């Protein structure tokens, strides 16, 4: 495996802000070394400031497929329960292959935005639901 490196003039590490940090990682993206107080290697890619990646601690990737469909009331009786019925209807009909496609696209968007890990929650089940009855209990 080849090593990849990035030099940062300032980096936020678990020890706090450090200067002249050389970070190395392998082809799998695993950090292999963090050198504090390092000299910048010639022709090495560098940044002024480096922050840790942001975790997404609560994701429902499949909901991306119906984004934009429930942000506005279409009918005066629309509510949280209208949204929830739509969400379960999508969950009921999604295949694992469709979920993979949607989640892959979403995770690419999140990575481009700085998210580096995700905790995923699913409403996807092995068998289609025979009946969908959602009634709020008061």
Protein backbone atom coordinates (compact mmCIF):
# COMPACT_ATOMS: atom_id res chain seq x y z
CA UNK A 1 0.00 0.00 0.00
CA UNK A 2 1.21 3.49 -0.77
CA UNK A 3 1.27 6.18 1.87
CA UNK A 4 -0.51 9.46 1.34
CA UNK A 5 0.27 12.59 3.32
CA UNK A 6 -1.04 16.05 4.12
CA UNK A 7 0.83 18.80 5.89
CA UNK A 8 -1.13 21.25 8.03
CA UNK A 9 0.30 24.45 9.47
CA UNK A 10 -2.38 24.25 12.19
CA UNK A 11 -4.36 21.10 13.09
CA UNK A 12 -6.94 20.45 15.77
CA UNK A 13 -5.93 17.16 17.39
CA UNK A 14 -7.12 15.48 20.59
CA UNK A 15 -4.24 17.26 22.39
CA UNK A 16 -5.60 20.62 21.15
CA UNK A 17 -4.29 22.90 18.42
CA UNK A 18 -0.90 21.84 17.11
CA UNK A 19 1.44 23.41 14.56
CA UNK A 20 3.24 21.85 11.61
CA UNK A 21 1.45 18.53 11.56
CA UNK A 22 2.16 15.86 8.95
CA UNK A 23 -0.61 13.27 8.65
CA UNK A 24 -0.05 10.02 6.77
CA UNK A 25 -2.66 7.44 5.72
CA UNK A 26 -2.80 4.26 3.67
CA UNK A 27 -4.87 3.34 0.60
CA UNK A 28 -7.76 2.28 2.85
CA UNK A 29 -7.94 5.75 4.40
CA UNK A 30 -6.55 4.57 7.74
CA UNK A 31 -4.34 7.17 9.44
CA UNK A 32 -0.94 5.56 9.95
CA UNK A 33 1.01 8.45 11.51
CA UNK A 34 0.54 11.93 12.93
CA UNK A 35 3.80 13.86 13.31
CA UNK A 36 3.58 17.08 15.35
CA UNK A 37 6.21 19.76 14.79
CA UNK A 38 7.22 18.24 11.46
CA UNK A 39 9.02 20.00 8.67
CA UNK A 40 6.95 20.36 5.52
CA UNK A 41 8.28 17.94 2.89
CA UNK A 42 9.12 19.47 -0.49
CA UNK A 43 6.22 19.48 -2.95
CA UNK A 44 3.89 18.14 -0.25
CA UNK A 45 0.22 19.14 -0.38
CA UNK A 46 -0.54 21.47 2.51
CA UNK A 47 -3.37 23.34 4.18
CA UNK A 48 -3.38 26.22 6.66
CA UNK A 49 -6.02 24.79 8.99
CA UNK A 50 -7.17 21.20 9.52
CA UNK A 51 -10.19 20.07 11.55
CA UNK A 52 -11.43 16.55 12.36
CA UNK A 53 -14.27 15.19 10.24
CA UNK A 54 -17.83 15.67 11.45
CA UNK A 55 -19.88 12.59 12.45
CA UNK A 56 -23.53 12.32 11.47
CA UNK A 57 -24.95 10.68 14.58
CA UNK A 58 -28.48 10.08 13.36
CA UNK A 59 -29.21 9.31 9.71
CA UNK A 60 -32.14 7.76 7.88
CA UNK A 61 -30.62 7.56 4.41
CA UNK A 62 -33.76 6.18 2.75
CA UNK A 63 -35.65 9.37 3.65
CA UNK A 64 -33.50 11.20 1.09
CA UNK A 65 -35.65 9.63 -1.65
CA UNK A 66 -38.73 11.61 -0.63
CA UNK A 67 -37.01 14.84 0.39
CA UNK A 68 -38.97 17.82 -0.80
CA UNK A 69 -42.29 16.00 -0.92
CA UNK A 70 -43.50 16.92 2.55
CA UNK A 71 -41.82 20.21 3.45
CA UNK A 72 -44.97 22.18 2.63
CA UNK A 73 -48.59 21.47 3.42
CA UNK A 74 -50.49 20.36 0.35
CA UNK A 75 -53.73 20.09 2.29
CA UNK A 76 -54.88 21.87 5.48
CA UNK A 77 -55.07 18.55 7.32
CA UNK A 78 -51.41 17.68 6.60
CA UNK A 79 -49.37 17.15 9.77
CA UNK A 80 -46.55 15.09 11.20
CA UNK A 81 -48.77 12.06 10.70
CA UNK A 82 -49.10 12.80 6.96
CA UNK A 83 -45.32 12.88 6.72
CA UNK A 84 -45.02 9.68 8.75
CA UNK A 85 -47.48 7.82 6.49
CA UNK A 86 -45.47 8.85 3.44
CA UNK A 87 -42.22 7.82 5.13
CA UNK A 88 -43.56 4.35 5.99
CA UNK A 89 -45.01 3.95 2.50
CA UNK A 90 -41.56 4.56 1.01
CA UNK A 91 -39.93 2.24 3.56
CA UNK A 92 -42.45 -0.49 2.78
CA UNK A 93 -41.66 -0.53 -0.92
CA UNK A 94 -37.90 0.03 -1.03
CA UNK A 95 -35.71 -2.87 -2.06
CA UNK A 96 -32.23 -3.39 -0.62
CA UNK A 97 -30.79 -2.42 -4.02
CA UNK A 98 -32.73 0.86 -4.05
CA UNK A 99 -31.61 1.62 -0.51
CA UNK A 100 -28.00 1.00 -1.49
CA UNK A 101 -28.31 3.42 -4.41
CA UNK A 102 -29.93 6.15 -2.30
CA UNK A 103 -27.55 5.70 0.65
CA UNK A 104 -24.48 5.71 -1.60
CA UNK A 105 -25.52 9.02 -3.17
CA UNK A 106 -26.33 10.53 0.25
CA UNK A 107 -23.05 9.37 1.81
CA UNK A 108 -21.12 10.90 -1.10
CA UNK A 109 -22.90 14.22 -0.47
CA UNK A 110 -22.15 14.00 3.25
CA UNK A 111 -18.47 13.19 2.62
CA UNK A 112 -18.16 16.19 0.30
CA UNK A 113 -19.70 18.34 3.07
CA UNK A 114 -17.15 17.15 5.67
CA UNK A 115 -18.95 14.25 7.34
CA UNK A 116 -16.60 11.32 7.81
CA UNK A 117 -18.78 8.82 9.67
CA UNK A 118 -22.46 8.04 9.96
CA UNK A 119 -24.72 6.19 12.37
CA UNK A 120 -27.56 4.82 10.23
CA UNK A 121 -31.06 3.92 11.41
CA UNK A 122 -33.44 1.95 9.21
CA UNK A 123 -37.18 1.48 8.93
CA UNK A 124 -36.59 -1.12 6.25
CA UNK A 125 -37.92 -4.60 7.00
CA UNK A 126 -37.39 -8.04 5.48
CA UNK A 127 -41.01 -8.57 4.51
CA UNK A 128 -43.42 -6.03 2.99
CA UNK A 129 -46.03 -4.85 5.43
CA UNK A 130 -49.47 -6.22 4.73
CA UNK A 131 -51.29 -3.22 6.14
CA UNK A 132 -50.19 0.27 6.96
CA UNK A 133 -52.32 1.75 9.71
CA UNK A 134 -50.93 4.75 11.49
CA UNK A 135 -53.23 6.33 14.01
CA UNK A 136 -51.92 8.77 16.59
CA UNK A 137 -52.73 7.75 20.12
CA UNK A 138 -53.89 10.62 22.27
